Amino acid sequence: MDQTDLRILRILQEDSSLPVSDVAKKVGLSASPCWKRIKRMHDEGIIKYQISVLDAERLGFGLTVFINIKTGEHSTSWLKEFSATVTAMPEVMELHRIAGDIDYMLKVIVPDMAAFDAFYKGLIGTAALTEVSSYFAMETMKETTALPI
């Protein structure tokens, strides 16, 4: 990967809907070589997928909750089942297995407290969990999907 690839990635992280011709102009290439670079980065898995980032609040999802989970179970089969169950829950935006005092961290987005309560009841019914702590976001001060390349 060279500096031109990195410039292309920076541009696409900001607006992946730009036509290849516009991206090419911004990086000083013609459209065909720019398209080939983008295709190569797709093929190599550097560009995983292209999405539209939606405004959660405007769509009625006004509550963001971070959930820390501790469990007494650490077997491979338990992890596989827990991961499959939690990733299938549409409210879960992120699921991380982490090192430290807790085992898992989730980012959950729901419309309101009643929806979170229903989600929470479903979550604690999925597996034996030792401790579940929820933290409610009061304000999003920074939100990005762009990597610092």
N, C-alpha and C. Protein backbone atom coordinates (compact mmCIF):
# COMPACT_ATOMS: atom_id res chain seq x y z
N MET A 1 0.83 -1.18 0.00
CA MET A 1 0.00 0.00 0.00
C MET A 1 0.88 1.24 0.00
N ASP A 2 0.55 2.17 -0.86
CA ASP A 2 1.33 3.40 -0.93
C ASP A 2 0.48 4.60 -0.46
N GLN A 3 1.05 5.79 -0.57
CA GLN A 3 0.36 6.99 -0.09
C GLN A 3 -0.92 7.27 -0.89
N THR A 4 -0.92 6.93 -2.16
CA THR A 4 -2.14 7.13 -2.96
C THR A 4 -3.26 6.25 -2.46
N ASP A 5 -2.95 4.98 -2.15
CA ASP A 5 -3.96 4.08 -1.57
C ASP A 5 -4.51 4.67 -0.27
N LEU A 6 -3.63 5.17 0.57
CA LEU A 6 -4.06 5.74 1.84
C LEU A 6 -4.96 6.97 1.63
N ARG A 7 -4.61 7.81 0.65
CA ARG A 7 -5.46 8.97 0.35
C ARG A 7 -6.83 8.52 -0.14
N ILE A 8 -6.86 7.49 -0.98
CA ILE A 8 -8.13 6.95 -1.46
C ILE A 8 -8.96 6.45 -0.28
N LEU A 9 -8.34 5.73 0.63
CA LEU A 9 -9.06 5.21 1.80
C LEU A 9 -9.60 6.33 2.67
N ARG A 10 -8.82 7.38 2.87
CA ARG A 10 -9.29 8.52 3.68
C ARG A 10 -10.54 9.14 3.04
N ILE A 11 -10.51 9.30 1.74
CA ILE A 11 -11.65 9.89 1.03
C ILE A 11 -12.87 8.99 1.15
N LEU A 12 -12.69 7.69 0.92
CA LEU A 12 -13.82 6.75 0.97
C LEU A 12 -14.39 6.62 2.38
N GLN A 13 -13.54 6.77 3.40
CA GLN A 13 -14.05 6.73 4.77
C GLN A 13 -14.97 7.90 5.05
N GLU A 14 -14.73 9.02 4.42
CA GLU A 14 -15.56 10.21 4.62
C GLU A 14 -16.85 10.13 3.81
N ASP A 15 -16.76 9.60 2.57
CA ASP A 15 -17.95 9.52 1.71
C ASP A 15 -17.74 8.43 0.66
N SER A 16 -18.21 7.24 0.96
CA SER A 16 -18.01 6.13 0.03
C SER A 16 -18.96 6.18 -1.16
N SER A 17 -19.87 7.15 -1.17
CA SER A 17 -20.81 7.26 -2.29
C SER A 17 -20.24 8.10 -3.44
N LEU A 18 -19.06 8.66 -3.26
CA LEU A 18 -18.47 9.46 -4.32
C LEU A 18 -18.21 8.60 -5.55
N PRO A 19 -18.46 9.15 -6.73
CA PRO A 19 -18.10 8.41 -7.95
C PRO A 19 -16.58 8.23 -8.02
N VAL A 20 -16.14 7.15 -8.64
CA VAL A 20 -14.71 6.87 -8.76
C VAL A 20 -14.01 8.04 -9.44
N SER A 21 -14.66 8.69 -10.38
CA SER A 21 -14.04 9.82 -11.08
C SER A 21 -13.71 10.95 -10.11
N ASP A 22 -14.58 11.20 -9.14
CA ASP A 22 -14.32 12.24 -8.15
C ASP A 22 -13.17 11.86 -7.23
N VAL A 23 -13.15 10.61 -6.79
CA VAL A 23 -12.04 10.13 -5.95
C VAL A 23 -10.74 10.24 -6.73
N ALA A 24 -10.77 9.83 -7.99
CA ALA A 24 -9.56 9.87 -8.83
C ALA A 24 -9.02 11.29 -8.94
N LYS A 25 -9.90 12.26 -9.17
CA LYS A 25 -9.47 13.66 -9.27
C LYS A 25 -8.80 14.12 -7.98
N LYS A 26 -9.37 13.74 -6.85
CA LYS A 26 -8.84 14.18 -5.56
C LYS A 26 -7.46 13.62 -5.27
N VAL A 27 -7.13 12.45 -5.86
CA VAL A 27 -5.83 11.83 -5.59
C VAL A 27 -4.87 11.95 -6.78
N GLY A 28 -5.32 12.61 -7.85
CA GLY A 28 -4.44 12.84 -8.99
C GLY A 28 -4.27 11.65 -9.91
N LEU A 29 -5.31 10.84 -10.05
CA LEU A 29 -5.28 9.70 -10.97
C LEU A 29 -6.42 9.83 -11.97
N SER A 30 -6.35 9.04 -13.02
CA SER A 30 -7.52 8.91 -13.89
C SER A 30 -8.43 7.85 -13.28
N ALA A 31 -9.65 7.78 -13.78
CA ALA A 31 -10.65 6.91 -13.15
C ALA A 31 -10.27 5.43 -13.18
N SER A 32 -9.73 4.95 -14.27
CA SER A 32 -9.44 3.51 -14.40
C SER A 32 -8.40 3.02 -13.39
N PRO A 33 -7.24 3.67 -13.27
CA PRO A 33 -6.28 3.21 -12.25
C PRO A 33 -6.82 3.35 -10.82
N CYS A 34 -7.63 4.39 -10.59
CA CYS A 34 -8.22 4.58 -9.26
C CYS A 34 -9.18 3.44 -8.97
N TRP A 35 -10.04 3.09 -9.94
CA TRP A 35 -10.97 1.98 -9.77
C TRP A 35 -10.23 0.68 -9.50
N LYS A 36 -9.12 0.44 -10.21
CA LYS A 36 -8.33 -0.79 -10.01
C LYS A 36 -7.77 -0.84 -8.59
N ARG A 37 -7.33 0.28 -8.08
CA ARG A 37 -6.81 0.31 -6.70
C ARG A 37 -7.94 0.01 -5.71
N ILE A 38 -9.09 0.64 -5.91
CA ILE A 38 -10.23 0.39 -5.01
C ILE A 38 -10.65 -1.07 -5.08
N LYS A 39 -10.73 -1.62 -6.27
CA LYS A 39 -11.11 -3.03 -6.44
C LYS A 39 -10.11 -3.94 -5.74
N ARG A 40 -8.81 -3.65 -5.91
CA ARG A 40 -7.77 -4.46 -5.25
C ARG A 40 -7.94 -4.41 -3.73
N MET A 41 -8.22 -3.23 -3.20
CA MET A 41 -8.38 -3.11 -1.74
C MET A 41 -9.64 -3.84 -1.27
N HIS A 42 -10.68 -3.87 -2.10
CA HIS A 42 -11.86 -4.69 -1.79
C HIS A 42 -11.47 -6.17 -1.79
N ASP A 43 -10.81 -6.59 -2.85
CA ASP A 43 -10.43 -8.01 -3.00
C ASP A 43 -9.52 -8.48 -1.88
N GLU A 44 -8.65 -7.60 -1.40
CA GLU A 44 -7.71 -7.96 -0.33
C GLU A 44 -8.36 -7.86 1.06
N GLY A 45 -9.58 -7.36 1.13
CA GLY A 45 -10.27 -7.25 2.41
C GLY A 45 -9.91 -6.00 3.20
N ILE A 46 -9.16 -5.10 2.60
CA ILE A 46 -8.83 -3.84 3.28
C ILE A 46 -10.11 -3.00 3.40
N ILE A 47 -10.86 -2.93 2.30
CA ILE A 47 -12.20 -2.34 2.34
C ILE A 47 -13.16 -3.49 2.57
N LYS A 48 -13.73 -3.55 3.76
CA LYS A 48 -14.59 -4.69 4.12
C LYS A 48 -15.96 -4.60 3.47
N TYR A 49 -16.58 -3.44 3.53
CA TYR A 49 -17.89 -3.22 2.92
C TYR A 49 -18.17 -1.73 2.93
N GLN A 50 -19.17 -1.32 2.16
CA GLN A 50 -19.57 0.08 2.11
C GLN A 50 -20.99 0.18 2.65
N ILE A 51 -21.21 1.17 3.50
CA ILE A 51 -22.50 1.32 4.17
C ILE A 51 -22.92 2.79 4.18
N SER A 52 -24.15 3.01 4.56
CA SER A 52 -24.63 4.36 4.87
C SER A 52 -24.76 4.46 6.38
N VAL A 53 -24.23 5.51 6.96
CA VAL A 53 -24.32 5.71 8.40
C VAL A 53 -25.59 6.52 8.66
N LEU A 54 -26.47 5.96 9.47
CA LEU A 54 -27.78 6.56 9.73
C LEU A 54 -27.78 7.34 11.04
N ASP A 55 -28.67 8.29 11.16
CA ASP A 55 -28.83 9.06 12.39
C ASP A 55 -29.81 8.32 13.30
N ALA A 56 -29.28 7.68 14.33
CA ALA A 56 -30.09 6.85 15.23
C ALA A 56 -31.22 7.64 15.88
N GLU A 57 -30.93 8.82 16.39
CA GLU A 57 -31.96 9.61 17.07
C GLU A 57 -33.10 9.99 16.14
N ARG A 58 -32.77 10.41 14.93
CA ARG A 58 -33.83 10.81 13.98
C ARG A 58 -34.69 9.63 13.57
N LEU A 59 -34.15 8.41 13.75
CA LEU A 59 -34.92 7.21 13.43
C LEU A 59 -35.58 6.60 14.65
N GLY A 60 -35.52 7.33 15.78
CA GLY A 60 -36.23 6.88 16.97
C GLY A 60 -35.42 6.00 17.91
N PHE A 61 -34.12 5.92 17.71
CA PHE A 61 -33.26 5.13 18.60
C PHE A 61 -32.45 6.10 19.47
N GLY A 62 -33.07 6.59 20.53
CA GLY A 62 -32.48 7.66 21.32
C GLY A 62 -31.66 7.24 22.52
N LEU A 63 -31.54 5.93 22.77
CA LEU A 63 -30.83 5.50 23.97
C LEU A 63 -29.68 4.57 23.60
N THR A 64 -28.47 4.99 23.93
CA THR A 64 -27.27 4.18 23.72
C THR A 64 -26.80 3.69 25.08
N VAL A 65 -26.57 2.38 25.17
CA VAL A 65 -26.19 1.76 26.43
C VAL A 65 -24.93 0.92 26.21
N PHE A 66 -23.97 1.08 27.12
CA PHE A 66 -22.78 0.24 27.12
C PHE A 66 -22.94 -0.76 28.26
N ILE A 67 -22.76 -2.02 27.96
CA ILE A 67 -23.01 -3.07 28.94
C ILE A 67 -21.72 -3.85 29.16
N ASN A 68 -21.32 -3.95 30.42
CA ASN A 68 -20.18 -4.78 30.80
C ASN A 68 -20.71 -6.08 31.38
N ILE A 69 -20.13 -7.19 30.95
CA ILE A 69 -20.57 -8.51 31.40
C ILE A 69 -19.40 -9.29 31.95
N LYS A 70 -19.63 -9.88 33.12
CA LYS A 70 -18.70 -10.85 33.68
C LYS A 70 -19.39 -12.20 33.67
N THR A 71 -18.63 -13.23 33.39
CA THR A 71 -19.18 -14.57 33.41
C THR A 71 -18.21 -15.51 34.11
N GLY A 72 -18.73 -16.54 34.71
CA GLY A 72 -17.89 -17.54 35.34
C GLY A 72 -17.50 -18.64 34.38
N GLU A 73 -18.07 -18.62 33.20
CA GLU A 73 -17.86 -19.67 32.19
C GLU A 73 -16.93 -19.15 31.10
N HIS A 74 -15.91 -19.93 30.77
CA HIS A 74 -14.95 -19.48 29.76
C HIS A 74 -14.64 -20.57 28.74
N SER A 75 -15.52 -21.54 28.60
CA SER A 75 -15.25 -22.63 27.65
C SER A 75 -15.52 -22.16 26.22
N THR A 76 -14.91 -22.83 25.28
CA THR A 76 -15.08 -22.51 23.86
C THR A 76 -16.53 -22.68 23.43
N SER A 77 -17.16 -23.74 23.88
CA SER A 77 -18.55 -23.98 23.48
C SER A 77 -19.48 -22.90 24.05
N TRP A 78 -19.24 -22.48 25.30
CA TRP A 78 -20.06 -21.42 25.89
C TRP A 78 -19.88 -20.12 25.10
N LEU A 79 -18.63 -19.78 24.79
CA LEU A 79 -18.33 -18.56 24.04
C LEU A 79 -19.02 -18.59 22.68
N LYS A 80 -18.95 -19.71 22.00
CA LYS A 80 -19.56 -19.83 20.67
C LYS A 80 -21.07 -19.61 20.75
N GLU A 81 -21.71 -20.23 21.73
CA GLU A 81 -23.16 -20.09 21.88
C GLU A 81 -23.54 -18.67 22.30
N PHE A 82 -22.81 -18.11 23.27
CA PHE A 82 -23.07 -16.75 23.73
C PHE A 82 -22.90 -15.75 22.59
N SER A 83 -21.81 -15.87 21.85
CA SER A 83 -21.53 -14.97 20.75
C SER A 83 -22.62 -15.06 19.67
N ALA A 84 -23.02 -16.26 19.32
CA ALA A 84 -24.07 -16.43 18.30
C ALA A 84 -25.39 -15.82 18.75
N THR A 85 -25.72 -16.01 20.02
CA THR A 85 -26.98 -15.48 20.54
C THR A 85 -26.97 -13.96 20.58
N VAL A 86 -25.90 -13.38 21.10
CA VAL A 86 -25.84 -11.92 21.25
C VAL A 86 -25.70 -11.22 19.91
N THR A 87 -24.90 -11.77 19.00
CA THR A 87 -24.75 -11.11 17.70
C THR A 87 -26.05 -11.16 16.89
N ALA A 88 -26.94 -12.09 17.21
CA ALA A 88 -28.23 -12.16 16.52
C ALA A 88 -29.22 -11.12 17.03
N MET A 89 -28.92 -10.47 18.15
CA MET A 89 -29.81 -9.46 18.70
C MET A 89 -29.60 -8.14 17.93
N PRO A 90 -30.62 -7.65 17.24
CA PRO A 90 -30.43 -6.48 16.38
C PRO A 90 -30.06 -5.21 17.14
N GLU A 91 -30.37 -5.14 18.41
CA GLU A 91 -30.04 -3.94 19.20
C GLU A 91 -28.54 -3.83 19.49
N VAL A 92 -27.82 -4.93 19.37
CA VAL A 92 -26.39 -4.96 19.68
C VAL A 92 -25.60 -4.43 18.48
N MET A 93 -25.00 -3.28 18.65
CA MET A 93 -24.20 -2.67 17.60
C MET A 93 -22.77 -3.20 17.61
N GLU A 94 -22.27 -3.49 18.81
CA GLU A 94 -20.90 -4.00 18.96
C GLU A 94 -20.87 -4.99 20.10
N LEU A 95 -20.05 -6.04 19.92
CA LEU A 95 -19.79 -7.02 20.97
C LEU A 95 -18.29 -7.25 20.98
N HIS A 96 -17.68 -7.03 22.13
CA HIS A 96 -16.24 -7.20 22.27
C HIS A 96 -15.94 -8.17 23.40
N ARG A 97 -15.02 -9.10 23.17
CA ARG A 97 -14.46 -9.92 24.25
C ARG A 97 -13.19 -9.20 24.65
N ILE A 98 -13.08 -8.87 25.93
CA ILE A 98 -11.98 -8.01 26.35
C ILE A 98 -11.20 -8.62 27.50
N ALA A 99 -10.02 -8.09 27.71
CA ALA A 99 -9.17 -8.49 28.83
C ALA A 99 -9.37 -7.51 29.97
N GLY A 100 -9.21 -7.98 31.19
CA GLY A 100 -9.36 -7.10 32.34
C GLY A 100 -10.38 -7.64 33.31
N ASP A 101 -11.00 -6.73 34.05
CA ASP A 101 -11.94 -7.11 35.10
C ASP A 101 -13.28 -7.62 34.57
N ILE A 102 -13.60 -7.29 33.33
CA ILE A 102 -14.84 -7.78 32.74
C ILE A 102 -14.50 -8.65 31.54
N ASP A 103 -15.47 -9.44 31.10
CA ASP A 103 -15.22 -10.38 30.01
C ASP A 103 -15.72 -9.89 28.67
N TYR A 104 -16.86 -9.20 28.65
CA TYR A 104 -17.48 -8.75 27.41
C TYR A 104 -18.03 -7.34 27.56
N MET A 105 -17.98 -6.60 26.46
CA MET A 105 -18.58 -5.27 26.43
C MET A 105 -19.47 -5.17 25.20
N LEU A 106 -20.68 -4.67 25.41
CA LEU A 106 -21.64 -4.50 24.33
C LEU A 106 -21.98 -3.02 24.18
N LYS A 107 -22.23 -2.62 22.95
CA LYS A 107 -22.84 -1.32 22.68
C LYS A 107 -24.21 -1.62 22.12
N VAL A 108 -25.23 -1.11 22.78
CA VAL A 108 -26.61 -1.40 22.44
C VAL A 108 -27.33 -0.09 22.15
N ILE A 109 -28.14 -0.06 21.09
CA ILE A 109 -28.94 1.12 20.78
C ILE A 109 -30.41 0.71 20.71
N VAL A 110 -31.24 1.41 21.48
CA VAL A 110 -32.68 1.12 21.57
C VAL A 110 -33.45 2.44 21.57
N PRO A 111 -34.76 2.36 21.34
CA PRO A 111 -35.56 3.60 21.33
C PRO A 111 -35.63 4.30 22.68
N ASP A 112 -35.82 3.52 23.77
CA ASP A 112 -36.06 4.15 25.06
C ASP A 112 -35.81 3.15 26.19
N MET A 113 -36.07 3.58 27.41
CA MET A 113 -35.81 2.74 28.58
C MET A 113 -36.66 1.48 28.59
N ALA A 114 -37.91 1.57 28.16
CA ALA A 114 -38.77 0.38 28.12
C ALA A 114 -38.20 -0.65 27.15
N ALA A 115 -37.71 -0.19 26.01
CA ALA A 115 -37.10 -1.11 25.04
C ALA A 115 -35.82 -1.71 25.61
N PHE A 116 -35.05 -0.88 26.35
CA PHE A 116 -33.83 -1.43 26.97
C PHE A 116 -34.19 -2.47 28.01
N ASP A 117 -35.21 -2.23 28.81
CA ASP A 117 -35.62 -3.19 29.83
C ASP A 117 -35.98 -4.53 29.18
N ALA A 118 -36.71 -4.48 28.07
CA ALA A 118 -37.07 -5.72 27.36
C ALA A 118 -35.81 -6.40 26.82
N PHE A 119 -34.90 -5.61 26.27
CA PHE A 119 -33.64 -6.17 25.77
C PHE A 119 -32.86 -6.81 26.91
N TYR A 120 -32.75 -6.10 28.03
CA TYR A 120 -31.99 -6.58 29.19
C TYR A 120 -32.54 -7.92 29.69
N LYS A 121 -33.85 -8.01 29.79
CA LYS A 121 -34.47 -9.26 30.24
C LYS A 121 -34.15 -10.40 29.29
N GLY A 122 -34.13 -10.12 28.01
CA GLY A 122 -33.76 -11.14 27.04
C GLY A 122 -32.30 -11.52 27.14
N LEU A 123 -31.44 -10.52 27.36
CA LEU A 123 -30.01 -10.77 27.47
C LEU A 123 -29.68 -11.67 28.65
N ILE A 124 -30.22 -11.33 29.82
CA ILE A 124 -29.86 -12.12 31.01
C ILE A 124 -30.47 -13.52 30.97
N GLY A 125 -31.43 -13.72 30.09
CA GLY A 125 -32.01 -15.05 29.94
C GLY A 125 -31.26 -15.92 28.95
N THR A 126 -30.26 -15.37 28.27
CA THR A 126 -29.56 -16.14 27.23
C THR A 126 -28.50 -17.07 27.77
N ALA A 127 -27.88 -16.72 28.89
CA ALA A 127 -26.75 -17.51 29.40
C ALA A 127 -26.54 -17.18 30.87
N ALA A 128 -25.75 -18.02 31.52
CA ALA A 128 -25.39 -17.76 32.92
C ALA A 128 -24.36 -16.64 32.95
N LEU A 129 -24.77 -15.48 33.47
CA LEU A 129 -23.89 -14.32 33.56
C LEU A 129 -23.68 -14.00 35.03
N THR A 130 -22.44 -13.76 35.42
CA THR A 130 -22.12 -13.48 36.82
C THR A 130 -22.51 -12.06 37.20
N GLU A 131 -22.22 -11.11 36.30
CA GLU A 131 -22.50 -9.70 36.59
C GLU A 131 -22.77 -8.96 35.30
N VAL A 132 -23.79 -8.11 35.31
CA VAL A 132 -24.13 -7.28 34.16
C VAL A 132 -24.29 -5.85 34.65
N SER A 133 -23.47 -4.94 34.10
CA SER A 133 -23.55 -3.52 34.47
C SER A 133 -23.85 -2.70 33.23
N SER A 134 -24.81 -1.81 33.33
CA SER A 134 -25.22 -0.98 32.20
C SER A 134 -24.86 0.48 32.45
N TYR A 135 -24.37 1.13 31.40
CA TYR A 135 -23.99 2.54 31.47
C TYR A 135 -24.70 3.27 30.33
N PHE A 136 -25.44 4.32 30.66
CA PHE A 136 -26.26 5.02 29.70
C PHE A 136 -25.56 6.27 29.20
N ALA A 137 -25.43 6.39 27.88
CA ALA A 137 -24.78 7.56 27.28
C ALA A 137 -25.71 8.76 27.40
N MET A 138 -25.20 9.84 27.94
CA MET A 138 -25.98 11.06 28.06
C MET A 138 -25.79 11.96 26.85
N GLU A 139 -24.61 11.89 26.24
CA GLU A 139 -24.32 12.73 25.08
C GLU A 139 -23.22 12.06 24.28
N THR A 140 -23.37 12.05 22.97
CA THR A 140 -22.30 11.55 22.09
C THR A 140 -21.46 12.74 21.70
N MET A 141 -20.22 12.73 22.15
CA MET A 141 -19.34 13.87 21.90
C MET A 141 -18.45 13.65 20.67
N LYS A 142 -18.23 12.40 20.32
CA LYS A 142 -17.51 12.08 19.09
C LYS A 142 -18.01 10.72 18.63
N GLU A 143 -18.26 10.64 17.33
CA GLU A 143 -18.68 9.37 16.74
C GLU A 143 -18.12 9.33 15.34
N THR A 144 -17.34 8.32 15.04
CA THR A 144 -16.77 8.18 13.72
C THR A 144 -16.57 6.71 13.40
N THR A 145 -16.52 6.41 12.13
CA THR A 145 -16.17 5.08 11.69
C THR A 145 -14.81 5.12 10.97
N ALA A 146 -14.24 6.31 10.85
CA ALA A 146 -12.99 6.50 10.09
C ALA A 146 -11.78 6.12 10.95
N LEU A 147 -10.95 5.24 10.39
CA LEU A 147 -9.69 4.89 11.05
C LEU A 147 -8.69 6.02 10.86
N PRO A 148 -7.79 6.24 11.81
CA PRO A 148 -6.82 7.35 11.71
C PRO A 148 -5.63 7.00 10.82
N ILE A 149 -5.90 6.82 9.52
CA ILE A 149 -4.80 6.46 8.59
C ILE A 149 -4.23 7.69 7.91
